[in-house]
Amino acid sequence: MRIVFMGTPDFAVPALDSLHAAGHEIVAVYTQPPRPAGRGKKPRPSPVAARAEALGLPVHSPASLKGDEEQARFAALDAEVAVVVAYGLILPDSVLAAYPRGCVNIHASLLPRWRGAAPIQRAIMAGDEETGVTIMQVVPALDTGPILLAEATPIGRTETAGELSRRLADMGARLIVRVLATIDRLTPLPQGEAGVTYAHKISKAEAKVDWARPAPEVDCLIRGISPFPGAWTEAAGERLKLLRSCLAEGEGVPGTVLDDALTIACGEGAVRIIEAQRAGRSPCLAESLLRGFPLPPGTCLT
């Protein structure tokens, strides 16, 4: 099939690889423009741009698709379908209608739950036991298009957003090939309105751990925004990023270190920190952290 691929972050790369390996003709790859990154703040191509260039595919990085010239350029590619994976730009109506099979999106949730920008993080933060991938037709309203295919997967009890993202990316890559192979035989199913939730972007204010919250909520927050932006707390005068945790036995004044394994009391119950990161340092397991940054029982985190 003649395809235009539209995606930007790491999450979209497996789908691009999968479509390329399946023998589809990818006539163009659309991705967001290079962004300043690293210490030098030099413009860096998106992960999708870097992978597309390695595959020898033409890359387009317009700042917007709203202009007539860009829309005409898109239509002139004469593709059969556009595959969209976390592209990050609004698709005008003329873009959605440019190709015979329209635009098909890989979304990292079981729609209509977690429409929006951060479905993976929100699913973990909410304590959901399962999530999945939905392949849907793109329509003007956000993540409301008819569903072509969906597949569920359980969320691991200690799984982080980063780990779940990699699993769902691979799942989406597999499902999109299946959808394109059978698209003429699939019956799109309208989304119901029951169970609609919205996965709003993660705000900086949410990343600060409130130890007065129940342990399950604290644990879900830590795992839900790991590795980025990362939950954090103040420990011994430093900001400490918390990257992995699990529920643990114990109780005490919220924020108090309860033992030598970095178990922290919450408003109800406790969590044990498995992995953390000091400012300017690399992530490490709790036992390694404590060898160079002692936090003995009784220490209060804020």
Protein backbone atom coordinates (compact mmCIF):
# COMPACT_ATOMS: atom_id res chain seq x y z
CA MET A 1 0.00 0.00 0.00
CA ARG A 2 1.16 3.55 -0.72
CA ILE A 3 1.48 5.25 2.68
CA VAL A 4 2.35 8.57 4.28
CA PHE A 5 3.65 8.09 7.82
CA MET A 6 3.14 10.83 10.42
CA GLY A 7 4.83 10.57 13.81
CA THR A 8 7.42 12.19 16.05
CA PRO A 9 8.58 10.47 19.30
CA ASP A 10 10.24 7.15 20.08
CA PHE A 11 6.80 5.61 20.53
CA ALA A 12 6.17 5.95 16.77
CA VAL A 13 9.43 4.37 15.57
CA PRO A 14 8.40 0.68 15.87
CA ALA A 15 5.33 1.34 13.70
CA LEU A 16 7.49 2.96 11.03
CA ASP A 17 9.87 0.00 11.11
CA SER A 18 7.00 -2.47 10.97
CA LEU A 19 5.36 -0.83 7.96
CA HIS A 20 8.69 -0.62 6.16
CA ALA A 21 9.48 -4.28 6.88
CA ALA A 22 6.01 -5.32 5.65
CA GLY A 23 6.85 -3.96 2.22
CA HIS A 24 4.55 -0.95 2.13
CA GLU A 25 5.62 1.96 -0.03
CA ILE A 26 6.21 4.82 2.40
CA VAL A 27 6.23 7.83 0.08
CA ALA A 28 6.89 10.41 2.80
CA VAL A 29 7.44 10.69 6.55
CA TYR A 30 5.97 13.71 8.32
CA THR A 31 7.39 14.65 11.69
CA GLN A 32 7.73 17.74 13.84
CA PRO A 33 10.68 20.08 13.16
CA PRO A 34 13.99 19.62 15.03
CA ARG A 35 13.91 20.92 18.60
CA PRO A 36 16.75 22.31 20.74
CA ALA A 37 18.15 19.51 22.92
CA GLY A 38 21.14 18.66 25.06
CA ARG A 39 23.47 20.98 26.89
CA GLY A 40 24.26 22.98 23.77
CA LYS A 41 20.56 23.31 22.86
CA LYS A 42 21.35 22.44 19.26
CA PRO A 43 18.41 21.48 17.04
CA ARG A 44 17.95 17.72 17.12
CA PRO A 45 15.80 15.73 14.65
CA SER A 46 12.91 13.80 16.14
CA PRO A 47 13.38 10.04 16.71
CA VAL A 48 11.09 9.39 13.74
CA ALA A 49 13.10 11.74 11.50
CA ALA A 50 16.34 10.03 12.47
CA ARG A 51 14.92 6.58 11.77
CA ALA A 52 13.31 7.63 8.48
CA GLU A 53 16.60 9.05 7.25
CA ALA A 54 18.37 5.82 8.19
CA LEU A 55 15.79 3.93 6.12
CA GLY A 56 16.29 6.29 3.18
CA LEU A 57 12.78 7.72 3.37
CA PRO A 58 11.94 11.35 2.47
CA VAL A 59 11.21 13.47 5.54
CA HIS A 60 8.96 16.54 5.76
CA SER A 61 8.96 18.68 8.89
CA PRO A 62 6.50 21.56 8.45
CA ALA A 63 5.75 23.69 11.49
CA SER A 64 2.06 23.50 10.56
CA LEU A 65 -0.27 21.87 8.05
CA LYS A 66 -2.74 24.74 8.04
CA GLY A 67 -1.42 26.53 4.94
CA ASP A 68 -2.77 25.87 1.45
CA GLU A 69 0.71 25.13 0.10
CA GLU A 70 1.43 22.44 2.68
CA GLN A 71 -2.00 20.87 2.18
CA ALA A 72 -1.51 20.77 -1.59
CA ARG A 73 1.90 19.20 -1.11
CA PHE A 74 0.37 16.55 1.13
CA ALA A 75 -2.39 15.74 -1.34
CA ALA A 76 0.08 15.56 -4.25
CA LEU A 77 1.81 12.59 -2.64
CA ASP A 78 -1.16 10.56 -3.91
CA ALA A 79 -1.05 8.01 -1.10
CA GLU A 80 -3.81 5.55 -0.23
CA VAL A 81 -3.71 6.19 3.51
CA ALA A 82 -1.85 8.17 6.16
CA VAL A 83 -0.75 6.37 9.32
CA VAL A 84 -0.58 8.72 12.33
CA VAL A 85 1.29 7.89 15.55
CA ALA A 86 1.78 10.66 18.13
CA TYR A 87 2.48 13.20 15.40
CA GLY A 88 1.67 16.22 17.56
CA LEU A 89 0.22 18.60 14.96
CA ILE A 90 -3.42 19.28 14.15
CA LEU A 91 -4.59 17.66 10.91
CA PRO A 92 -6.91 19.99 8.95
CA ASP A 93 -10.03 18.58 7.33
CA SER A 94 -8.44 18.72 3.88
CA VAL A 95 -5.57 16.53 5.11
CA LEU A 96 -7.97 14.02 6.66
CA ALA A 97 -9.83 13.78 3.34
CA ALA A 98 -6.80 13.79 1.03
CA TYR A 99 -6.49 10.02 0.54
CA PRO A 100 -9.05 7.31 -0.31
CA ARG A 101 -8.68 5.52 3.05
CA GLY A 102 -8.17 8.69 5.05
CA CYS A 103 -5.93 8.78 8.13
CA VAL A 104 -5.54 5.89 10.56
CA ASN A 105 -4.22 6.48 14.07
CA ILE A 106 -2.43 4.26 16.60
CA HIS A 107 -3.60 5.35 20.06
CA ALA A 108 -2.15 3.98 23.32
CA SER A 109 -5.33 3.26 25.26
CA LEU A 110 -8.58 1.34 25.03
CA LEU A 111 -10.78 4.11 23.69
CA PRO A 112 -12.93 5.86 24.73
CA ARG A 113 -10.92 5.69 27.99
CA TRP A 114 -7.98 8.11 28.01
CA ARG A 115 -8.51 10.23 24.96
CA GLY A 116 -5.83 12.89 24.72
CA ALA A 117 -2.13 13.56 25.13
CA ALA A 118 -0.94 11.30 27.98
CA PRO A 119 -2.92 8.04 27.93
CA ILE A 120 -0.08 5.80 29.12
CA GLN A 121 0.81 7.97 32.10
CA ARG A 122 -2.80 8.55 33.10
CA ALA A 123 -3.68 4.86 32.99
CA ILE A 124 -0.93 4.03 35.50
CA MET A 125 -1.60 7.11 37.64
CA ALA A 126 -5.26 6.12 37.90
CA GLY A 127 -4.38 2.60 39.00
CA ASP A 128 -5.93 0.94 35.94
CA GLU A 129 -5.35 -2.80 35.81
CA GLU A 130 -5.27 -2.91 32.01
CA THR A 131 -4.82 -0.72 29.00
CA GLY A 132 -4.10 -1.41 25.33
CA VAL A 133 -3.87 -0.07 21.82
CA THR A 134 -6.68 1.17 19.60
CA ILE A 135 -6.38 1.61 15.84
CA MET A 136 -8.97 4.15 14.74
CA GLN A 137 -9.93 6.37 11.87
CA VAL A 138 -8.98 10.00 12.47
CA VAL A 139 -11.81 12.54 12.58
CA PRO A 140 -11.67 16.25 13.48
CA ALA A 141 -12.69 15.78 17.14
CA LEU A 142 -9.91 14.55 19.42
CA ASP A 143 -9.59 10.74 19.52
CA THR A 144 -13.27 10.14 18.76
CA GLY A 145 -12.98 8.30 15.44
CA PRO A 146 -14.46 4.87 14.70
CA ILE A 147 -12.42 1.92 15.96
CA LEU A 148 -10.89 -0.49 13.47
CA LEU A 149 -9.11 -2.78 15.92
CA ALA A 150 -8.23 -2.82 19.63
CA GLU A 151 -6.20 -5.11 21.85
CA ALA A 152 -5.89 -5.10 25.64
CA THR A 153 -2.92 -5.85 27.89
CA PRO A 154 -2.54 -5.93 31.70
CA ILE A 155 -0.47 -3.26 33.44
CA GLY A 156 2.27 -4.78 35.60
CA ARG A 157 2.22 -3.96 39.31
CA THR A 158 5.67 -2.38 39.17
CA GLU A 159 5.56 -1.30 35.52
CA THR A 160 6.58 2.27 34.73
CA ALA A 161 5.22 4.50 32.00
CA GLY A 162 8.46 4.08 30.08
CA GLU A 163 8.23 0.30 30.13
CA LEU A 164 4.54 0.27 29.25
CA SER A 165 5.15 2.73 26.43
CA ARG A 166 7.68 0.38 24.82
CA ARG A 167 5.27 -2.55 25.08
CA LEU A 168 2.38 -0.59 23.59
CA ALA A 169 4.57 0.78 20.81
CA ASP A 170 5.45 -2.76 19.76
CA MET A 171 1.80 -3.80 20.03
CA GLY A 172 0.71 -0.87 17.88
CA ALA A 173 3.37 -1.70 15.30
CA ARG A 174 2.03 -5.22 15.02
CA LEU A 175 -1.63 -4.19 14.90
CA ILE A 176 -1.23 -1.48 12.25
CA VAL A 177 0.22 -4.01 9.79
CA ARG A 178 -2.72 -6.28 10.49
CA VAL A 179 -5.21 -3.43 9.99
CA LEU A 180 -3.74 -2.34 6.65
CA ALA A 181 -3.74 -5.94 5.41
CA THR A 182 -7.46 -6.29 6.13
CA ILE A 183 -8.72 -2.70 6.01
CA ASP A 184 -11.24 -3.35 3.24
CA ARG A 185 -12.86 -6.10 5.33
CA LEU A 186 -12.97 -4.24 8.64
CA THR A 187 -16.15 -2.61 9.89
CA PRO A 188 -15.36 0.61 11.80
CA LEU A 189 -17.19 0.66 15.14
CA PRO A 190 -18.31 4.03 16.53
CA GLN A 191 -17.02 4.85 19.99
CA GLY A 192 -19.58 4.94 22.74
CA GLU A 193 -19.86 7.83 25.16
CA ALA A 194 -19.88 5.60 28.24
CA GLY A 195 -16.53 5.51 30.02
CA VAL A 196 -15.01 8.54 28.29
CA THR A 197 -11.99 9.98 30.14
CA TYR A 198 -9.38 12.52 29.06
CA ALA A 199 -5.64 12.11 29.45
CA HIS A 200 -4.52 15.70 29.93
CA LYS A 201 -0.83 16.57 29.69
CA ILE A 202 1.17 16.05 32.87
CA SER A 203 1.71 19.34 34.67
CA LYS A 204 4.86 20.16 36.63
CA ALA A 205 2.80 20.62 39.77
CA GLU A 206 1.67 16.99 39.63
CA ALA A 207 5.23 15.68 39.79
CA LYS A 208 5.80 16.70 43.44
CA VAL A 209 5.05 13.74 45.73
CA ASP A 210 2.47 14.40 48.42
CA TRP A 211 3.36 11.85 51.08
CA ALA A 212 0.04 12.48 52.85
CA ARG A 213 -1.73 10.64 50.03
CA PRO A 214 -2.47 6.88 50.38
CA ALA A 215 0.39 4.60 49.36
CA PRO A 216 -1.34 3.22 46.23
CA GLU A 217 -1.76 6.76 44.87
CA VAL A 218 1.88 7.63 45.59
CA ASP A 219 3.09 4.41 43.98
CA CYS A 220 0.96 5.00 40.86
CA LEU A 221 2.23 8.58 40.56
CA ILE A 222 5.88 7.51 40.78
CA ARG A 223 5.51 4.78 38.18
CA GLY A 224 3.08 6.77 36.03
CA ILE A 225 5.47 9.63 35.27
CA SER A 226 8.71 7.65 35.13
CA PRO A 227 11.08 8.38 33.48
CA PHE A 228 9.65 11.75 32.42
CA PRO A 229 9.00 14.16 33.96
CA GLY A 230 9.65 12.01 37.03
CA ALA A 231 8.09 12.30 40.47
CA TRP A 232 10.28 14.10 42.99
CA THR A 233 10.71 14.85 46.66
CA GLU A 234 13.11 16.82 48.85
CA ALA A 235 15.58 14.57 50.69
CA ALA A 236 18.42 15.85 52.90
CA GLY A 237 18.28 19.23 51.21
CA GLU A 238 18.36 17.83 47.65
CA ARG A 239 15.72 17.19 45.04
CA LEU A 240 15.48 13.44 44.53
CA LYS A 241 13.71 12.00 41.48
CA LEU A 242 11.82 8.78 42.19
CA LEU A 243 11.70 6.42 39.21
CA ARG A 244 10.35 3.11 40.47
CA SER A 245 8.48 1.96 43.55
CA CYS A 246 6.26 -0.74 44.98
CA LEU A 247 3.77 -1.01 47.82
CA ALA A 248 5.29 -2.02 51.16
CA GLU A 249 4.34 -2.81 54.75
CA GLY A 250 4.70 -0.06 57.29
CA GLU A 251 3.18 3.07 58.73
CA GLY A 252 4.31 6.31 60.28
CA VAL A 253 4.37 10.06 59.85
CA PRO A 254 3.93 10.71 56.10
CA GLY A 255 7.29 11.17 54.36
CA THR A 256 9.31 9.39 57.06
CA VAL A 257 11.94 6.81 56.09
CA LEU A 258 10.96 3.63 57.92
CA ASP A 259 13.91 1.29 57.33
CA ASP A 260 17.25 0.76 55.59
CA ALA A 261 15.54 -0.27 52.33
CA LEU A 262 14.09 3.19 51.65
CA THR A 263 10.53 2.38 52.65
CA ILE A 264 8.59 5.65 53.04
CA ALA A 265 5.45 6.16 55.11
CA CYS A 266 2.44 7.61 53.33
CA GLY A 267 -0.89 8.92 54.60
CA GLU A 268 -2.05 5.30 54.54
CA GLY A 269 0.49 2.49 54.21
CA ALA A 270 3.95 2.85 52.70
CA VAL A 271 5.93 2.55 49.48
CA ARG A 272 9.43 1.23 48.93
CA ILE A 273 11.60 3.16 46.50
CA ILE A 274 13.31 0.79 44.08
CA GLU A 275 15.08 3.26 41.77
CA ALA A 276 15.88 6.94 42.14
CA GLN A 277 18.10 9.69 40.76
CA ARG A 278 19.95 12.56 42.40
CA ALA A 279 20.29 15.84 40.51
CA GLY A 280 23.12 15.63 37.98
CA ARG A 281 23.59 11.89 38.54
CA SER A 282 22.51 8.76 36.72
CA PRO A 283 19.50 6.70 37.83
CA CYS A 284 20.41 3.91 40.26
CA LEU A 285 18.85 1.27 42.48
CA ALA A 286 17.96 2.31 46.00
CA GLU A 287 20.75 0.27 47.62
CA SER A 288 23.34 2.00 45.44
CA LEU A 289 21.83 5.40 46.16
CA LEU A 290 21.95 4.87 49.92
CA ARG A 291 25.65 3.95 49.89
CA GLY A 292 26.56 7.44 48.75
CA PHE A 293 23.53 9.35 50.03
CA PRO A 294 22.49 7.99 53.43
CA LEU A 295 18.83 8.38 54.34
CA PRO A 296 18.56 6.52 57.66
CA PRO A 297 15.29 5.59 59.36
CA GLY A 298 13.64 8.68 60.77
CA THR A 299 14.71 10.94 57.91
CA CYS A 300 11.78 13.07 56.74
CA LEU A 301 11.18 13.60 53.02
CA THR A 302 9.15 16.60 51.99
